[in-house]
Amino acid sequence: MKLIKAYIRYRKTDEVVKGLRKAGHCCLTLVDCEGTGDYVDQEKEHISDKYPFISAARVIKLELLVPGEKVNEVVRLIRQYGRTGYRGDGMILISPVEKVYKVRTDEIGIKYI
């Protein structure tokens, strides 16, 4: 299993999630956050409400767990639906996952549908 974390533009979230779901990738987590750095689109940044000493861009962190053979497809979909062609389109990180434990059932592992 692999954990995919993608930082995407806030306004592209709906397109990315719909694209993933249409392809059968249903289960994911979305986190509203702010990003700053050289990659930020200077025309789209704002002064952070939480950290008023920095300029930041509003971004969404999308996380989903997928089997290794699905990684390339998911990355392709995120790039396809999340891209604007301008600085600040985001980034995708992929990490190995050793084990998955379900809290409610004590099961180890997950079925990927």
PDB file of N, CA and C in Angstrom:
ATOM      1  N   MET A   1       0.845  -1.185   0.000  1.00  0.00           N
ATOM      2  CA  MET A   1       0.000   0.000   0.000  1.00  0.00           C
ATOM      3  C   MET A   1       0.886   1.243   0.000  1.00  0.00           C
ATOM      4  N   LYS A   2       0.333   2.293  -0.576  1.00  0.00           N
ATOM      5  CA  LYS A   2       1.027   3.579  -0.628  1.00  0.00           C
ATOM      6  C   LYS A   2       0.084   4.667  -0.139  1.00  0.00           C
ATOM      7  N   LEU A   3       0.653   5.652   0.544  1.00  0.00           N
ATOM      8  CA  LEU A   3      -0.097   6.828   0.959  1.00  0.00           C
ATOM      9  C   LEU A   3       0.260   7.954   0.001  1.00  0.00           C
ATOM     10  N   ILE A   4      -0.753   8.481  -0.661  1.00  0.00           N
ATOM     11  CA  ILE A   4      -0.541   9.606  -1.561  1.00  0.00           C
ATOM     12  C   ILE A   4      -1.042  10.858  -0.869  1.00  0.00           C
ATOM     13  N   LYS A   5      -0.163  11.853  -0.772  1.00  0.00           N
ATOM     14  CA  LYS A   5      -0.537  13.173  -0.260  1.00  0.00           C
ATOM     15  C   LYS A   5      -0.362  14.143  -1.417  1.00  0.00           C
ATOM     16  N   ALA A   6      -1.397  14.894  -1.695  1.00  0.00           N
ATOM     17  CA  ALA A   6      -1.329  15.876  -2.770  1.00  0.00           C
ATOM     18  C   ALA A   6      -1.761  17.225  -2.229  1.00  0.00           C
ATOM     19  N   TYR A   7      -0.966  18.230  -2.501  1.00  0.00           N
ATOM     20  CA  TYR A   7      -1.300  19.608  -2.152  1.00  0.00           C
ATOM     21  C   TYR A   7      -1.759  20.272  -3.436  1.00  0.00           C
ATOM     22  N   ILE A   8      -3.042  20.666  -3.478  1.00  0.00           N
ATOM     23  CA  ILE A   8      -3.614  21.216  -4.703  1.00  0.00           C
ATOM     24  C   ILE A   8      -4.276  22.560  -4.426  1.00  0.00           C
ATOM     25  N   ARG A   9      -4.527  23.291  -5.486  1.00  0.00           N
ATOM     26  CA  ARG A   9      -5.238  24.570  -5.349  1.00  0.00           C
ATOM     27  C   ARG A   9      -6.639  24.316  -4.794  1.00  0.00           C
ATOM     28  N   TYR A  10      -7.058  25.213  -3.918  1.00  0.00           N
ATOM     29  CA  TYR A  10      -8.380  25.100  -3.306  1.00  0.00           C
ATOM     30  C   TYR A  10      -9.472  25.014  -4.375  1.00  0.00           C
ATOM     31  N   ARG A  11      -9.373  25.858  -5.399  1.00  0.00           N
ATOM     32  CA  ARG A  11     -10.437  25.935  -6.406  1.00  0.00           C
ATOM     33  C   ARG A  11     -10.473  24.728  -7.342  1.00  0.00           C
ATOM     34  N   LYS A  12      -9.473  23.868  -7.288  1.00  0.00           N
ATOM     35  CA  LYS A  12      -9.442  22.672  -8.129  1.00  0.00           C
ATOM     36  C   LYS A  12      -9.917  21.417  -7.385  1.00  0.00           C
ATOM     37  N   THR A  13     -10.248  21.564  -6.118  1.00  0.00           N
ATOM     38  CA  THR A  13     -10.614  20.413  -5.284  1.00  0.00           C
ATOM     39  C   THR A  13     -11.782  19.629  -5.859  1.00  0.00           C
ATOM     40  N   ASP A  14     -12.844  20.312  -6.231  1.00  0.00           N
ATOM     41  CA  ASP A  14     -14.035  19.645  -6.737  1.00  0.00           C
ATOM     42  C   ASP A  14     -13.710  18.810  -7.978  1.00  0.00           C
ATOM     43  N   GLU A  15     -12.953  19.369  -8.907  1.00  0.00           N
ATOM     44  CA  GLU A  15     -12.587  18.651 -10.125  1.00  0.00           C
ATOM     45  C   GLU A  15     -11.738  17.419  -9.820  1.00  0.00           C
ATOM     46  N   VAL A  16     -10.765  17.577  -8.933  1.00  0.00           N
ATOM     47  CA  VAL A  16      -9.877  16.460  -8.600  1.00  0.00           C
ATOM     48  C   VAL A  16     -10.665  15.342  -7.923  1.00  0.00           C
ATOM     49  N   VAL A  17     -11.480  15.670  -6.941  1.00  0.00           N
ATOM     50  CA  VAL A  17     -12.244  14.655  -6.211  1.00  0.00           C
ATOM     51  C   VAL A  17     -13.227  13.956  -7.147  1.00  0.00           C
ATOM     52  N   LYS A  18     -13.926  14.704  -7.985  1.00  0.00           N
ATOM     53  CA  LYS A  18     -14.868  14.088  -8.930  1.00  0.00           C
ATOM     54  C   LYS A  18     -14.134  13.179  -9.910  1.00  0.00           C
ATOM     55  N   GLY A  19     -12.971  13.600 -10.379  1.00  0.00           N
ATOM     56  CA  GLY A  19     -12.179  12.778 -11.291  1.00  0.00           C
ATOM     57  C   GLY A  19     -11.727  11.482 -10.645  1.00  0.00           C
ATOM     58  N   LEU A  20     -11.281  11.564  -9.383  1.00  0.00           N
ATOM     59  CA  LEU A  20     -10.867  10.365  -8.658  1.00  0.00           C
ATOM     60  C   LEU A  20     -12.044   9.424  -8.431  1.00  0.00           C
ATOM     61  N   ARG A  21     -13.173   9.975  -8.021  1.00  0.00           N
ATOM     62  CA  ARG A  21     -14.352   9.137  -7.755  1.00  0.00           C
ATOM     63  C   ARG A  21     -14.873   8.480  -9.025  1.00  0.00           C
ATOM     64  N   LYS A  22     -14.873   9.220 -10.114  1.00  0.00           N
ATOM     65  CA  LYS A  22     -15.331   8.669 -11.395  1.00  0.00           C
ATOM     66  C   LYS A  22     -14.479   7.462 -11.800  1.00  0.00           C
ATOM     67  N   ALA A  23     -13.194   7.499 -11.447  1.00  0.00           N
ATOM     68  CA  ALA A  23     -12.280   6.398 -11.766  1.00  0.00           C
ATOM     69  C   ALA A  23     -12.297   5.289 -10.706  1.00  0.00           C
ATOM     70  N   GLY A  24     -13.142   5.436  -9.679  1.00  0.00           N
ATOM     71  CA  GLY A  24     -13.286   4.384  -8.685  1.00  0.00           C
ATOM     72  C   GLY A  24     -12.480   4.557  -7.411  1.00  0.00           C
ATOM     73  N   HIS A  25     -11.892   5.717  -7.216  1.00  0.00           N
ATOM     74  CA  HIS A  25     -11.116   5.988  -5.998  1.00  0.00           C
ATOM     75  C   HIS A  25     -11.992   6.818  -5.059  1.00  0.00           C
ATOM     76  N   CYS A  26     -12.703   6.131  -4.168  1.00  0.00           N
ATOM     77  CA  CYS A  26     -13.764   6.783  -3.396  1.00  0.00           C
ATOM     78  C   CYS A  26     -13.319   7.381  -2.068  1.00  0.00           C
ATOM     79  N   CYS A  27     -12.328   6.789  -1.458  1.00  0.00           N
ATOM     80  CA  CYS A  27     -12.074   7.092  -0.053  1.00  0.00           C
ATOM     81  C   CYS A  27     -10.838   7.964   0.094  1.00  0.00           C
ATOM     82  N   LEU A  28     -11.043   9.169   0.596  1.00  0.00           N
ATOM     83  CA  LEU A  28      -9.931  10.093   0.757  1.00  0.00           C
ATOM     84  C   LEU A  28     -10.217  11.068   1.876  1.00  0.00           C
ATOM     85  N   THR A  29      -9.186  11.785   2.261  1.00  0.00           N
ATOM     86  CA  THR A  29      -9.284  12.807   3.300  1.00  0.00           C
ATOM     87  C   THR A  29      -8.866  14.133   2.707  1.00  0.00           C
ATOM     88  N   LEU A  30      -9.596  15.194   3.052  1.00  0.00           N
ATOM     89  CA  LEU A  30      -9.264  16.541   2.607  1.00  0.00           C
ATOM     90  C   LEU A  30      -8.983  17.407   3.828  1.00  0.00           C
ATOM     91  N   VAL A  31      -7.894  18.167   3.767  1.00  0.00           N
ATOM     92  CA  VAL A  31      -7.526  19.060   4.855  1.00  0.00           C
ATOM     93  C   VAL A  31      -7.312  20.451   4.266  1.00  0.00           C
ATOM     94  N   ASP A  32      -8.023  21.438   4.808  1.00  0.00           N
ATOM     95  CA  ASP A  32      -7.869  22.830   4.377  1.00  0.00           C
ATOM     96  C   ASP A  32      -6.629  23.397   5.050  1.00  0.00           C
ATOM     97  N   CYS A  33      -5.695  23.931   4.280  1.00  0.00           N
ATOM     98  CA  CYS A  33      -4.465  24.457   4.866  1.00  0.00           C
ATOM     99  C   CYS A  33      -3.929  25.627   4.040  1.00  0.00           C
ATOM    100  N   GLU A  34      -2.809  26.158   4.463  1.00  0.00           N
ATOM    101  CA  GLU A  34      -2.154  27.260   3.769  1.00  0.00           C
ATOM    102  C   GLU A  34      -0.732  26.854   3.434  1.00  0.00           C
ATOM    103  N   GLY A  35      -0.265  27.303   2.284  1.00  0.00           N
ATOM    104  CA  GLY A  35       1.095  26.989   1.877  1.00  0.00           C
ATOM    105  C   GLY A  35       1.862  28.248   1.540  1.00  0.00           C
ATOM    106  N   THR A  36       3.149  28.196   1.753  1.00  0.00           N
ATOM    107  CA  THR A  36       4.003  29.322   1.417  1.00  0.00           C
ATOM    108  C   THR A  36       5.326  28.789   0.897  1.00  0.00           C
ATOM    109  N   GLY A  37       5.985  29.559   0.076  1.00  0.00           N
ATOM    110  CA  GLY A  37       7.263  29.128  -0.476  1.00  0.00           C
ATOM    111  C   GLY A  37       7.469  29.671  -1.872  1.00  0.00           C
ATOM    112  N   ASP A  38       8.542  29.251  -2.501  1.00  0.00           N
ATOM    113  CA  ASP A  38       8.862  29.725  -3.843  1.00  0.00           C
ATOM    114  C   ASP A  38       7.835  29.298  -4.878  1.00  0.00           C
ATOM    115  N   TYR A  39       7.091  28.247  -4.578  1.00  0.00           N
ATOM    116  CA  TYR A  39       6.129  27.719  -5.530  1.00  0.00           C
ATOM    117  C   TYR A  39       4.804  28.474  -5.534  1.00  0.00           C
ATOM    118  N   VAL A  40       4.592  29.361  -4.593  1.00  0.00           N
ATOM    119  CA  VAL A  40       3.313  30.055  -4.455  1.00  0.00           C
ATOM    120  C   VAL A  40       3.116  31.026  -5.617  1.00  0.00           C
ATOM    121  N   ASP A  41       1.927  31.005  -6.192  1.00  0.00           N
ATOM    122  CA  ASP A  41       1.539  31.945  -7.239  1.00  0.00           C
ATOM    123  C   ASP A  41       1.361  33.314  -6.581  1.00  0.00           C
ATOM    124  N   GLN A  42       2.237  34.228  -6.862  1.00  0.00           N
ATOM    125  CA  GLN A  42       2.242  35.534  -6.195  1.00  0.00           C
ATOM    126  C   GLN A  42       0.925  36.289  -6.358  1.00  0.00           C
ATOM    127  N   GLU A  43       0.216  36.088  -7.456  1.00  0.00           N
ATOM    128  CA  GLU A  43      -1.039  36.788  -7.688  1.00  0.00           C
ATOM    129  C   GLU A  43      -2.198  36.187  -6.913  1.00  0.00           C
ATOM    130  N   LYS A  44      -2.046  34.990  -6.391  1.00  0.00           N
ATOM    131  CA  LYS A  44      -3.141  34.309  -5.693  1.00  0.00           C
ATOM    132  C   LYS A  44      -2.913  34.213  -4.184  1.00  0.00           C
ATOM    133  N   GLU A  45      -1.811  34.731  -3.682  1.00  0.00           N
ATOM    134  CA  GLU A  45      -1.550  34.596  -2.251  1.00  0.00           C
ATOM    135  C   GLU A  45      -2.298  35.672  -1.474  1.00  0.00           C
ATOM    136  N   HIS A  46      -2.408  35.468  -0.198  1.00  0.00           N
ATOM    137  CA  HIS A  46      -3.094  36.405   0.692  1.00  0.00           C
ATOM    138  C   HIS A  46      -2.373  36.411   2.031  1.00  0.00           C
ATOM    139  N   ILE A  47      -2.692  37.380   2.857  1.00  0.00           N
ATOM    140  CA  ILE A  47      -2.142  37.412   4.210  1.00  0.00           C
ATOM    141  C   ILE A  47      -2.910  36.385   5.029  1.00  0.00           C
ATOM    142  N   SER A  48      -2.183  35.509   5.671  1.00  0.00           N
ATOM    143  CA  SER A  48      -2.774  34.429   6.439  1.00  0.00           C
ATOM    144  C   SER A  48      -3.577  34.964   7.622  1.00  0.00           C
ATOM    145  N   ASP A  49      -4.760  34.383   7.855  1.00  0.00           N
ATOM    146  CA  ASP A  49      -5.562  34.740   9.024  1.00  0.00           C
ATOM    147  C   ASP A  49      -4.942  34.193  10.301  1.00  0.00           C
ATOM    148  N   LYS A  50      -4.383  32.992  10.223  1.00  0.00           N
ATOM    149  CA  LYS A  50      -3.794  32.359  11.400  1.00  0.00           C
ATOM    150  C   LYS A  50      -2.401  32.878  11.695  1.00  0.00           C
ATOM    151  N   TYR A  51      -1.671  33.198  10.639  1.00  0.00           N
ATOM    152  CA  TYR A  51      -0.281  33.628  10.786  1.00  0.00           C
ATOM    153  C   TYR A  51      -0.100  34.940  10.006  1.00  0.00           C
ATOM    154  N   PRO A  52      -0.507  36.062  10.596  1.00  0.00           N
ATOM    155  CA  PRO A  52      -0.533  37.327   9.854  1.00  0.00           C
ATOM    156  C   PRO A  52       0.841  37.855   9.437  1.00  0.00           C
ATOM    157  N   PHE A  53       1.908  37.216   9.847  1.00  0.00           N
ATOM    158  CA  PHE A  53       3.245  37.649   9.479  1.00  0.00           C
ATOM    159  C   PHE A  53       3.717  37.016   8.166  1.00  0.00           C
ATOM    160  N   ILE A  54       2.867  36.196   7.525  1.00  0.00           N
ATOM    161  CA  ILE A  54       3.272  35.588   6.253  1.00  0.00           C
ATOM    162  C   ILE A  54       2.189  35.755   5.186  1.00  0.00           C
ATOM    163  N   SER A  55       2.618  35.709   3.947  1.00  0.00           N
ATOM    164  CA  SER A  55       1.695  35.612   2.822  1.00  0.00           C
ATOM    165  C   SER A  55       1.604  34.135   2.471  1.00  0.00           C
ATOM    166  N   ALA A  56       0.413  33.683   2.181  1.00  0.00           N
ATOM    167  CA  ALA A  56       0.218  32.263   1.932  1.00  0.00           C
ATOM    168  C   ALA A  56      -0.827  32.055   0.847  1.00  0.00           C
ATOM    169  N   ALA A  57      -0.862  30.863   0.328  1.00  0.00           N
ATOM    170  CA  ALA A  57      -1.887  30.461  -0.622  1.00  0.00           C
ATOM    171  C   ALA A  57      -2.773  29.421   0.054  1.00  0.00           C
ATOM    172  N   ARG A  58      -4.068  29.535  -0.148  1.00  0.00           N
ATOM    173  CA  ARG A  58      -4.987  28.545   0.405  1.00  0.00           C
ATOM    174  C   ARG A  58      -4.883  27.288  -0.447  1.00  0.00           C
ATOM    175  N   VAL A  59      -4.602  26.161   0.191  1.00  0.00           N
ATOM    176  CA  VAL A  59      -4.458  24.891  -0.510  1.00  0.00           C
ATOM    177  C   VAL A  59      -5.229  23.803   0.227  1.00  0.00           C
ATOM    178  N   ILE A  60      -5.457  22.722  -0.477  1.00  0.00           N
ATOM    179  CA  ILE A  60      -6.087  21.545   0.113  1.00  0.00           C
ATOM    180  C   ILE A  60      -5.070  20.418   0.102  1.00  0.00           C
ATOM    181  N   LYS A  61      -4.930  19.742   1.233  1.00  0.00           N
ATOM    182  CA  LYS A  61      -4.124  18.528   1.275  1.00  0.00           C
ATOM    183  C   LYS A  61      -5.090  17.364   1.126  1.00  0.00           C
ATOM    184  N   LEU A  62      -4.871  16.586   0.082  1.00  0.00           N
ATOM    185  CA  LEU A  62      -5.687  15.428  -0.212  1.00  0.00           C
ATOM    186  C   LEU A  62      -4.854  14.197   0.141  1.00  0.00           C
ATOM    187  N   GLU A  63      -5.415  13.270   0.878  1.00  0.00           N
ATOM    188  CA  GLU A  63      -4.700  12.047   1.241  1.00  0.00           C
ATOM    189  C   GLU A  63      -5.544  10.842   0.883  1.00  0.00           C
ATOM    190  N   LEU A  64      -4.910   9.850   0.253  1.00  0.00           N
ATOM    191  CA  LEU A  64      -5.603   8.601   0.008  1.00  0.00           C
ATOM    192  C   LEU A  64      -4.627   7.444   0.005  1.00  0.00           C
ATOM    193  N   LEU A  65      -5.131   6.304   0.425  1.00  0.00           N
ATOM    194  CA  LEU A  65      -4.358   5.079   0.535  1.00  0.00           C
ATOM    195  C   LEU A  65      -4.712   4.207  -0.657  1.00  0.00           C
ATOM    196  N   VAL A  66      -3.703   3.776  -1.416  1.00  0.00           N
ATOM    197  CA  VAL A  66      -3.973   2.976  -2.615  1.00  0.00           C
ATOM    198  C   VAL A  66      -2.978   1.819  -2.721  1.00  0.00           C
ATOM    199  N   PRO A  67      -3.375   0.756  -3.409  1.00  0.00           N
ATOM    200  CA  PRO A  67      -2.414  -0.316  -3.691  1.00  0.00           C
ATOM    201  C   PRO A  67      -1.321   0.221  -4.617  1.00  0.00           C
ATOM    202  N   GLY A  68      -0.137  -0.336  -4.524  1.00  0.00           N
ATOM    203  CA  GLY A  68       0.993   0.124  -5.324  1.00  0.00           C
ATOM    204  C   GLY A  68       0.702   0.213  -6.810  1.00  0.00           C
ATOM    205  N   GLU A  69      -0.084  -0.738  -7.332  1.00  0.00           N
ATOM    206  CA  GLU A  69      -0.356  -0.738  -8.771  1.00  0.00           C
ATOM    207  C   GLU A  69      -1.313   0.373  -9.203  1.00  0.00           C
ATOM    208  N   LYS A  70      -1.949   1.060  -8.252  1.00  0.00           N
ATOM    209  CA  LYS A  70      -2.876   2.158  -8.573  1.00  0.00           C
ATOM    210  C   LYS A  70      -2.220   3.534  -8.482  1.00  0.00           C
ATOM    211  N   VAL A  71      -0.989   3.604  -7.997  1.00  0.00           N
ATOM    212  CA  VAL A  71      -0.325   4.893  -7.757  1.00  0.00           C
ATOM    213  C   VAL A  71      -0.230   5.732  -9.026  1.00  0.00           C
ATOM    214  N   ASN A  72       0.264   5.163 -10.110  1.00  0.00           N
ATOM    215  CA  ASN A  72       0.440   5.941 -11.339  1.00  0.00           C
ATOM    216  C   ASN A  72      -0.881   6.498 -11.854  1.00  0.00           C
ATOM    217  N   GLU A  73      -1.946   5.708 -11.763  1.00  0.00           N
ATOM    218  CA  GLU A  73      -3.260   6.179 -12.204  1.00  0.00           C
ATOM    219  C   GLU A  73      -3.739   7.352 -11.358  1.00  0.00           C
ATOM    220  N   VAL A  74      -3.611   7.226 -10.040  1.00  0.00           N
ATOM    221  CA  VAL A  74      -4.063   8.289  -9.145  1.00  0.00           C
ATOM    222  C   VAL A  74      -3.243   9.563  -9.363  1.00  0.00           C
ATOM    223  N   VAL A  75      -1.939   9.428  -9.504  1.00  0.00           N
ATOM    224  CA  VAL A  75      -1.087  10.594  -9.762  1.00  0.00           C
ATOM    225  C   VAL A  75      -1.498  11.266 -11.071  1.00  0.00           C
ATOM    226  N   ARG A  76      -1.736  10.464 -12.100  1.00  0.00           N
ATOM    227  CA  ARG A  76      -2.158  11.011 -13.392  1.00  0.00           C
ATOM    228  C   ARG A  76      -3.463  11.791 -13.265  1.00  0.00           C
ATOM    229  N   LEU A  77      -4.429  11.245 -12.530  1.00  0.00           N
ATOM    230  CA  LEU A  77      -5.720  11.911 -12.348  1.00  0.00           C
ATOM    231  C   LEU A  77      -5.590  13.218 -11.573  1.00  0.00           C
ATOM    232  N   ILE A  78      -4.803  13.200 -10.507  1.00  0.00           N
ATOM    233  CA  ILE A  78      -4.609  14.429  -9.717  1.00  0.00           C
ATOM    234  C   ILE A  78      -3.969  15.506 -10.581  1.00  0.00           C
ATOM    235  N   ARG A  79      -2.966  15.120 -11.360  1.00  0.00           N
ATOM    236  CA  ARG A  79      -2.295  16.095 -12.241  1.00  0.00           C
ATOM    237  C   ARG A  79      -3.244  16.586 -13.329  1.00  0.00           C
ATOM    238  N   GLN A  80      -4.009  15.689 -13.892  1.00  0.00           N
ATOM    239  CA  GLN A  80      -4.935  16.059 -14.972  1.00  0.00           C
ATOM    240  C   GLN A  80      -5.980  17.059 -14.491  1.00  0.00           C
ATOM    241  N   TYR A  81      -6.605  16.774 -13.369  1.00  0.00           N
ATOM    242  CA  TYR A  81      -7.702  17.619 -12.881  1.00  0.00           C
ATOM    243  C   TYR A  81      -7.237  18.780 -12.009  1.00  0.00           C
ATOM    244  N   GLY A  82      -6.018  18.715 -11.485  1.00  0.00           N
ATOM    245  CA  GLY A  82      -5.534  19.762 -10.595  1.00  0.00           C
ATOM    246  C   GLY A  82      -4.677  20.820 -11.263  1.00  0.00           C
ATOM    247  N   ARG A  83      -4.284  20.609 -12.490  1.00  0.00           N
ATOM    248  CA  ARG A  83      -3.336  21.492 -13.185  1.00  0.00           C
ATOM    249  C   ARG A  83      -4.025  22.737 -13.757  1.00  0.00           C
ATOM    250  N   THR A  84      -3.372  23.886 -13.552  1.00  0.00           N
ATOM    251  CA  THR A  84      -3.781  25.119 -14.235  1.00  0.00           C
ATOM    252  C   THR A  84      -2.686  25.576 -15.196  1.00  0.00           C
ATOM    253  N   GLY A  85      -1.453  25.106 -14.950  1.00  0.00           N
ATOM    254  CA  GLY A  85      -0.326  25.516 -15.772  1.00  0.00           C
ATOM    255  C   GLY A  85       0.440  26.690 -15.192  1.00  0.00           C
ATOM    256  N   TYR A  86       0.014  27.177 -14.028  1.00  0.00           N
ATOM    257  CA  TYR A  86       0.679  28.301 -13.383  1.00  0.00           C
ATOM    258  C   TYR A  86       1.395  27.844 -12.121  1.00  0.00           C
ATOM    259  N   ARG A  87       2.347  28.671 -11.675  1.00  0.00           N
ATOM    260  CA  ARG A  87       3.044  28.382 -10.417  1.00  0.00           C
ATOM    261  C   ARG A  87       2.027  28.188  -9.312  1.00  0.00           C
ATOM    262  N   GLY A  88       2.341  27.258  -8.416  1.00  0.00           N
ATOM    263  CA  GLY A  88       1.459  27.032  -7.275  1.00  0.00           C
ATOM    264  C   GLY A  88       0.415  25.948  -7.508  1.00  0.00           C
ATOM    265  N   ASP A  89       0.552  25.172  -8.580  1.00  0.00           N
ATOM    266  CA  ASP A  89      -0.411  24.098  -8.824  1.00  0.00           C
ATOM    267  C   ASP A  89      -0.313  22.988  -7.788  1.00  0.00           C
ATOM    268  N   GLY A  90       0.782  22.930  -7.044  1.00  0.00           N
ATOM    269  CA  GLY A  90       0.880  21.967  -5.953  1.00  0.00           C
ATOM    270  C   GLY A  90       1.940  20.909  -6.166  1.00  0.00           C
ATOM    271  N   MET A  91       1.863  19.872  -5.347  1.00  0.00           N
ATOM    272  CA  MET A  91       2.817  18.772  -5.419  1.00  0.00           C
ATOM    273  C   MET A  91       2.164  17.508  -4.903  1.00  0.00           C
ATOM    274  N   ILE A  92       2.746  16.371  -5.296  1.00  0.00           N
ATOM    275  CA  ILE A  92       2.234  15.067  -4.895  1.00  0.00           C
ATOM    276  C   ILE A  92       3.378  14.291  -4.245  1.00  0.00           C
ATOM    277  N   LEU A  93       3.117  13.722  -3.079  1.00  0.00           N
ATOM    278  CA  LEU A  93       4.114  12.927  -2.368  1.00  0.00           C
ATOM    279  C   LEU A  93       3.580  11.515  -2.181  1.00  0.00           C
ATOM    280  N   ILE A  94       4.452  10.532  -2.311  1.00  0.00           N
ATOM    281  CA  ILE A  94       4.053   9.136  -2.180  1.00  0.00           C
ATOM    282  C   ILE A  94       4.951   8.468  -1.141  1.00  0.00           C
ATOM    283  N   SER A  95       4.317   7.799  -0.173  1.00  0.00           N
ATOM    284  CA  SER A  95       5.051   7.134   0.905  1.00  0.00           C
ATOM    285  C   SER A  95       4.575   5.699   1.048  1.00  0.00           C
ATOM    286  N   PRO A  96       5.490   4.799   1.416  1.00  0.00           N
ATOM    287  CA  PRO A  96       5.067   3.417   1.681  1.00  0.00           C
ATOM    288  C   PRO A  96       4.291   3.341   2.995  1.00  0.00           C
ATOM    289  N   VAL A  97       3.376   2.387   3.067  1.00  0.00           N
ATOM    290  CA  VAL A  97       2.599   2.145   4.283  1.00  0.00           C
ATOM    291  C   VAL A  97       2.857   0.709   4.706  1.00  0.00           C
ATOM    292  N   GLU A  98       3.348   0.530   5.919  1.00  0.00           N
ATOM    293  CA  GLU A  98       3.675  -0.813   6.396  1.00  0.00           C
ATOM    294  C   GLU A  98       2.450  -1.609   6.791  1.00  0.00           C
ATOM    295  N   LYS A  99       1.577  -1.013   7.582  1.00  0.00           N
ATOM    296  CA  LYS A  99       0.375  -1.702   8.055  1.00  0.00           C
ATOM    297  C   LYS A  99      -0.750  -0.703   8.220  1.00  0.00           C
ATOM    298  N   VAL A 100      -1.962  -1.240   8.154  1.00  0.00           N
ATOM    299  CA  VAL A 100      -3.163  -0.442   8.394  1.00  0.00           C
ATOM    300  C   VAL A 100      -3.991  -1.173   9.449  1.00  0.00           C
ATOM    301  N   TYR A 101      -4.349  -0.471  10.512  1.00  0.00           N
ATOM    302  CA  TYR A 101      -5.177  -1.032  11.571  1.00  0.00           C
ATOM    303  C   TYR A 101      -6.508  -0.297  11.586  1.00  0.00           C
ATOM    304  N   LYS A 102      -7.604  -1.046  11.612  1.00  0.00           N
ATOM    305  CA  LYS A 102      -8.915  -0.421  11.731  1.00  0.00           C
ATOM    306  C   LYS A 102      -9.241  -0.281  13.215  1.00  0.00           C
ATOM    307  N   VAL A 103      -9.599   0.907  13.625  1.00  0.00           N
ATOM    308  CA  VAL A 103      -9.858   1.197  15.033  1.00  0.00           C
ATOM    309  C   VAL A 103     -11.098   0.464  15.525  1.00  0.00           C
ATOM    310  N   ARG A 104     -12.183   0.520  14.774  1.00  0.00           N
ATOM    311  CA  ARG A 104     -13.447  -0.059  15.228  1.00  0.00           C
ATOM    312  C   ARG A 104     -13.415  -1.578  15.310  1.00  0.00           C
ATOM    313  N   THR A 105     -12.807  -2.238  14.326  1.00  0.00           N
ATOM    314  CA  THR A 105     -12.911  -3.691  14.211  1.00  0.00           C
ATOM    315  C   THR A 105     -11.654  -4.454  14.600  1.00  0.00           C
ATOM    316  N   ASP A 106     -10.547  -3.784  14.838  1.00  0.00           N
ATOM    317  CA  ASP A 106      -9.263  -4.408  15.120  1.00  0.00           C
ATOM    318  C   ASP A 106      -8.699  -5.191  13.922  1.00  0.00           C
ATOM    319  N   GLU A 107      -9.293  -5.007  12.740  1.00  0.00           N
ATOM    320  CA  GLU A 107      -8.760  -5.664  11.550  1.00  0.00           C
ATOM    321  C   GLU A 107      -7.415  -5.059  11.188  1.00  0.00           C
ATOM    322  N   ILE A 108      -6.578  -5.880  10.569  1.00  0.00           N
ATOM    323  CA  ILE A 108      -5.319  -5.402  10.032  1.00  0.00           C
ATOM    324  C   ILE A 108      -5.446  -5.455   8.519  1.00  0.00           C
ATOM    325  N   GLY A 109      -5.133  -4.348   7.871  1.00  0.00           N
ATOM    326  CA  GLY A 109      -5.253  -4.259   6.420  1.00  0.00           C
ATOM    327  C   GLY A 109      -6.591  -3.702   6.001  1.00  0.00           C
ATOM    328  N   ILE A 110      -6.682  -3.368   4.734  1.00  0.00           N
ATOM    329  CA  ILE A 110      -7.937  -2.854   4.180  1.00  0.00           C
ATOM    330  C   ILE A 110      -8.205  -3.502   2.829  1.00  0.00           C
ATOM    331  N   LYS A 111      -9.456  -3.530   2.467  1.00  0.00           N
ATOM    332  CA  LYS A 111      -9.849  -3.961   1.125  1.00  0.00           C
ATOM    333  C   LYS A 111      -9.952  -2.701   0.286  1.00  0.00           C
ATOM    334  N   TYR A 112      -9.352  -2.718  -0.847  1.00  0.00           N
ATOM    335  CA  TYR A 112      -9.434  -1.563  -1.736  1.00  0.00           C
ATOM    336  C   TYR A 112     -10.495  -1.851  -2.777  1.00  0.00           C
ATOM    337  N   ILE A 113     -11.493  -1.019  -2.821  1.00  0.00           N
ATOM    338  CA  ILE A 113     -12.607  -1.227  -3.750  1.00  0.00           C
ATOM    339  C   ILE A 113     -12.420  -0.362  -4.970  1.00  0.00           C
TER     340      ILE A 113
END
